[in-house]
Amino acid sequence: MQNLETYFETHPKLVRIVQYILIGLFVLLIIFDIILAATNNITISEVIKGETEKAFFVLTYFWGAVAINLFFTRKSKKLVHEVTGTIILFSIAALIYFLKIGPFLIETVAKIPNQPTQNEIRIAHAISMVFGLLIGYLFWRQDHVE
């Protein structure tokens, strides 16, 4: 397999197409955010925050996995194949979602059941993100390119 940098150098049209797609998505996101703010007086950030506060812990789990994948590359031998690592990552995410581990985690952290404070919710999300960092570190990191 060709080095990714060499591949992009030899295929400038592909790079240009990807750039246009990303710019288009960014502009679309800004337009969508303006429309939401004008009609419902709510922004995309508030929608995401609202969903995560409803114990949608898959988002913080994935943030952790993506962060470790982007900022820490693998220099040692992989534990599992890339496909297997991705399957493990998404299987755990499905378990978190379908088993409703978010509410369970909040109830575990909260001192008063059914009335968690904002700090207790943040602690539960931090636990979810650290778990995503751990799973991403073990099974889903990209290789270090020399």
Protein backbone atom coordinates (compact mmCIF):
# COMPACT_ATOMS: atom_id res chain seq x y z
CA MET A 1 0.00 0.00 0.00
CA GLN A 2 1.28 3.42 -0.95
CA ASN A 3 2.22 5.98 1.67
CA LEU A 4 -0.77 8.30 2.18
CA GLU A 5 1.27 11.45 1.64
CA THR A 6 2.68 10.12 -1.64
CA TYR A 7 -0.80 9.10 -2.74
CA PHE A 8 -2.17 12.61 -2.19
CA GLU A 9 0.81 14.15 -4.01
CA THR A 10 0.13 12.01 -7.06
CA HIS A 11 -3.65 12.62 -6.97
CA PRO A 12 -4.18 16.39 -6.57
CA LYS A 13 -7.72 16.21 -8.04
CA LEU A 14 -8.81 13.93 -5.22
CA VAL A 15 -7.39 16.34 -2.66
CA ARG A 16 -9.24 19.24 -4.31
CA ILE A 17 -12.53 17.28 -4.34
CA VAL A 18 -12.17 16.40 -0.65
CA GLN A 19 -11.41 20.03 0.14
CA TYR A 20 -14.54 21.20 -1.69
CA ILE A 21 -16.67 18.61 0.08
CA LEU A 22 -15.33 19.66 3.50
CA ILE A 23 -15.81 23.36 2.74
CA GLY A 24 -19.35 22.64 1.54
CA LEU A 25 -20.17 20.68 4.70
CA PHE A 26 -18.74 23.46 6.85
CA VAL A 27 -20.83 26.11 5.05
CA LEU A 28 -23.91 23.88 5.28
CA LEU A 29 -23.34 23.45 9.03
CA ILE A 30 -23.10 27.23 9.51
CA ILE A 31 -26.28 27.82 7.47
CA PHE A 32 -28.09 25.10 9.42
CA ASP A 33 -26.92 26.62 12.70
CA ILE A 34 -28.19 30.08 11.64
CA ILE A 35 -31.56 28.64 10.60
CA LEU A 36 -31.89 26.79 13.90
CA ALA A 37 -30.97 29.89 15.89
CA ALA A 38 -33.46 32.03 13.93
CA THR A 39 -36.41 29.62 14.10
CA ASN A 40 -36.10 27.74 17.38
CA ASN A 41 -33.65 30.05 19.15
CA ILE A 42 -31.36 27.02 19.64
CA THR A 43 -28.02 26.14 18.06
CA ILE A 44 -26.41 22.86 17.06
CA SER A 45 -24.14 23.00 20.11
CA GLU A 46 -27.18 23.25 22.36
CA VAL A 47 -28.83 20.31 20.57
CA ILE A 48 -25.71 18.16 21.08
CA LYS A 49 -25.44 19.26 24.71
CA GLY A 50 -29.09 18.40 25.27
CA GLU A 51 -28.66 14.95 23.76
CA THR A 52 -25.58 14.18 25.84
CA GLU A 53 -27.31 15.38 28.99
CA LYS A 54 -30.07 12.86 28.28
CA ALA A 55 -27.43 10.21 29.00
CA PHE A 56 -26.48 9.75 25.36
CA PHE A 57 -23.03 8.61 26.43
CA VAL A 58 -22.07 7.16 23.07
CA LEU A 59 -21.07 10.66 21.94
CA THR A 60 -18.54 11.17 24.73
CA TYR A 61 -17.29 7.61 24.29
CA PHE A 62 -16.62 8.28 20.59
CA TRP A 63 -15.00 11.64 21.36
CA GLY A 64 -12.51 9.79 23.53
CA ALA A 65 -11.81 7.14 20.89
CA VAL A 66 -11.41 9.71 18.11
CA ALA A 67 -9.17 11.94 20.25
CA ILE A 68 -6.76 9.13 21.05
CA ASN A 69 -6.71 8.06 17.40
CA LEU A 70 -5.90 11.57 16.18
CA PHE A 71 -3.34 12.63 18.76
CA PHE A 72 -1.49 9.43 19.68
CA THR A 73 -0.14 7.21 16.95
CA ARG A 74 0.92 3.60 17.42
CA LYS A 75 4.61 2.77 17.25
CA SER A 76 4.35 -0.73 18.69
CA LYS A 77 2.75 -3.84 17.27
CA LYS A 78 -1.04 -3.82 17.04
CA LEU A 79 -3.04 -5.93 19.47
CA VAL A 80 -5.70 -6.77 16.88
CA HIS A 81 -6.31 -6.23 13.17
CA GLU A 82 -7.76 -2.82 12.14
CA VAL A 83 -11.12 -4.30 11.21
CA THR A 84 -11.35 -6.25 14.46
CA GLY A 85 -10.48 -3.11 16.43
CA THR A 86 -13.22 -1.16 14.65
CA ILE A 87 -15.72 -3.93 15.31
CA ILE A 88 -14.76 -3.92 19.00
CA LEU A 89 -15.10 -0.13 19.17
CA PHE A 90 -18.55 -0.06 17.58
CA SER A 91 -19.77 -3.14 19.48
CA ILE A 92 -18.97 -1.48 22.79
CA ALA A 93 -20.73 1.68 21.56
CA ALA A 94 -23.82 -0.37 20.72
CA LEU A 95 -23.73 -1.95 24.18
CA ILE A 96 -23.44 1.48 25.81
CA TYR A 97 -26.43 2.69 23.80
CA PHE A 98 -28.76 -0.29 24.00
CA LEU A 99 -28.03 -1.27 27.60
CA LYS A 100 -28.51 2.38 28.62
CA ILE A 101 -25.27 2.47 30.56
CA GLY A 102 -25.44 6.29 30.69
CA PRO A 103 -28.34 6.48 33.15
CA PHE A 104 -26.80 3.66 35.18
CA LEU A 105 -23.50 5.57 35.33
CA ILE A 106 -25.24 8.77 36.41
CA GLU A 107 -27.16 6.94 39.13
CA THR A 108 -23.91 5.37 40.33
CA VAL A 109 -22.14 8.73 40.52
CA ALA A 110 -25.11 10.74 41.90
CA LYS A 111 -25.41 11.14 45.64
CA ILE A 112 -29.18 11.67 45.46
CA PRO A 113 -30.90 9.19 43.09
CA ASN A 114 -32.95 10.72 40.25
CA GLN A 115 -31.56 14.21 41.02
CA PRO A 116 -27.99 14.36 39.71
CA THR A 117 -26.19 17.70 39.78
CA GLN A 118 -24.40 19.13 36.75
CA ASN A 119 -21.04 18.18 38.26
CA GLU A 120 -22.16 14.58 38.74
CA ILE A 121 -23.33 14.44 35.11
CA ARG A 122 -19.97 15.85 34.01
CA ILE A 123 -18.13 13.23 36.06
CA ALA A 124 -20.19 10.48 34.43
CA HIS A 125 -19.37 11.88 30.98
CA ALA A 126 -15.69 12.10 31.90
CA ILE A 127 -15.76 8.42 32.87
CA SER A 128 -17.35 7.63 29.50
CA MET A 129 -14.70 9.65 27.65
CA VAL A 130 -11.85 8.00 29.55
CA PHE A 131 -13.34 4.61 28.67
CA GLY A 132 -13.40 5.69 24.99
CA LEU A 133 -9.78 6.82 25.29
CA LEU A 134 -8.83 3.44 26.75
CA ILE A 135 -10.64 1.39 24.09
CA GLY A 136 -9.30 3.64 21.34
CA TYR A 137 -5.77 3.34 22.75
CA LEU A 138 -5.89 -0.43 22.93
CA PHE A 139 -7.75 -1.33 19.73
CA TRP A 140 -8.21 1.59 17.36
CA ARG A 141 -5.08 3.76 17.02
CA GLN A 142 -3.57 4.55 13.67
CA ASP A 143 -0.04 3.54 12.76
CA HIS A 144 2.90 5.89 13.09
CA VAL A 145 4.15 6.92 9.64
CA GLU A 146 7.88 7.53 9.31
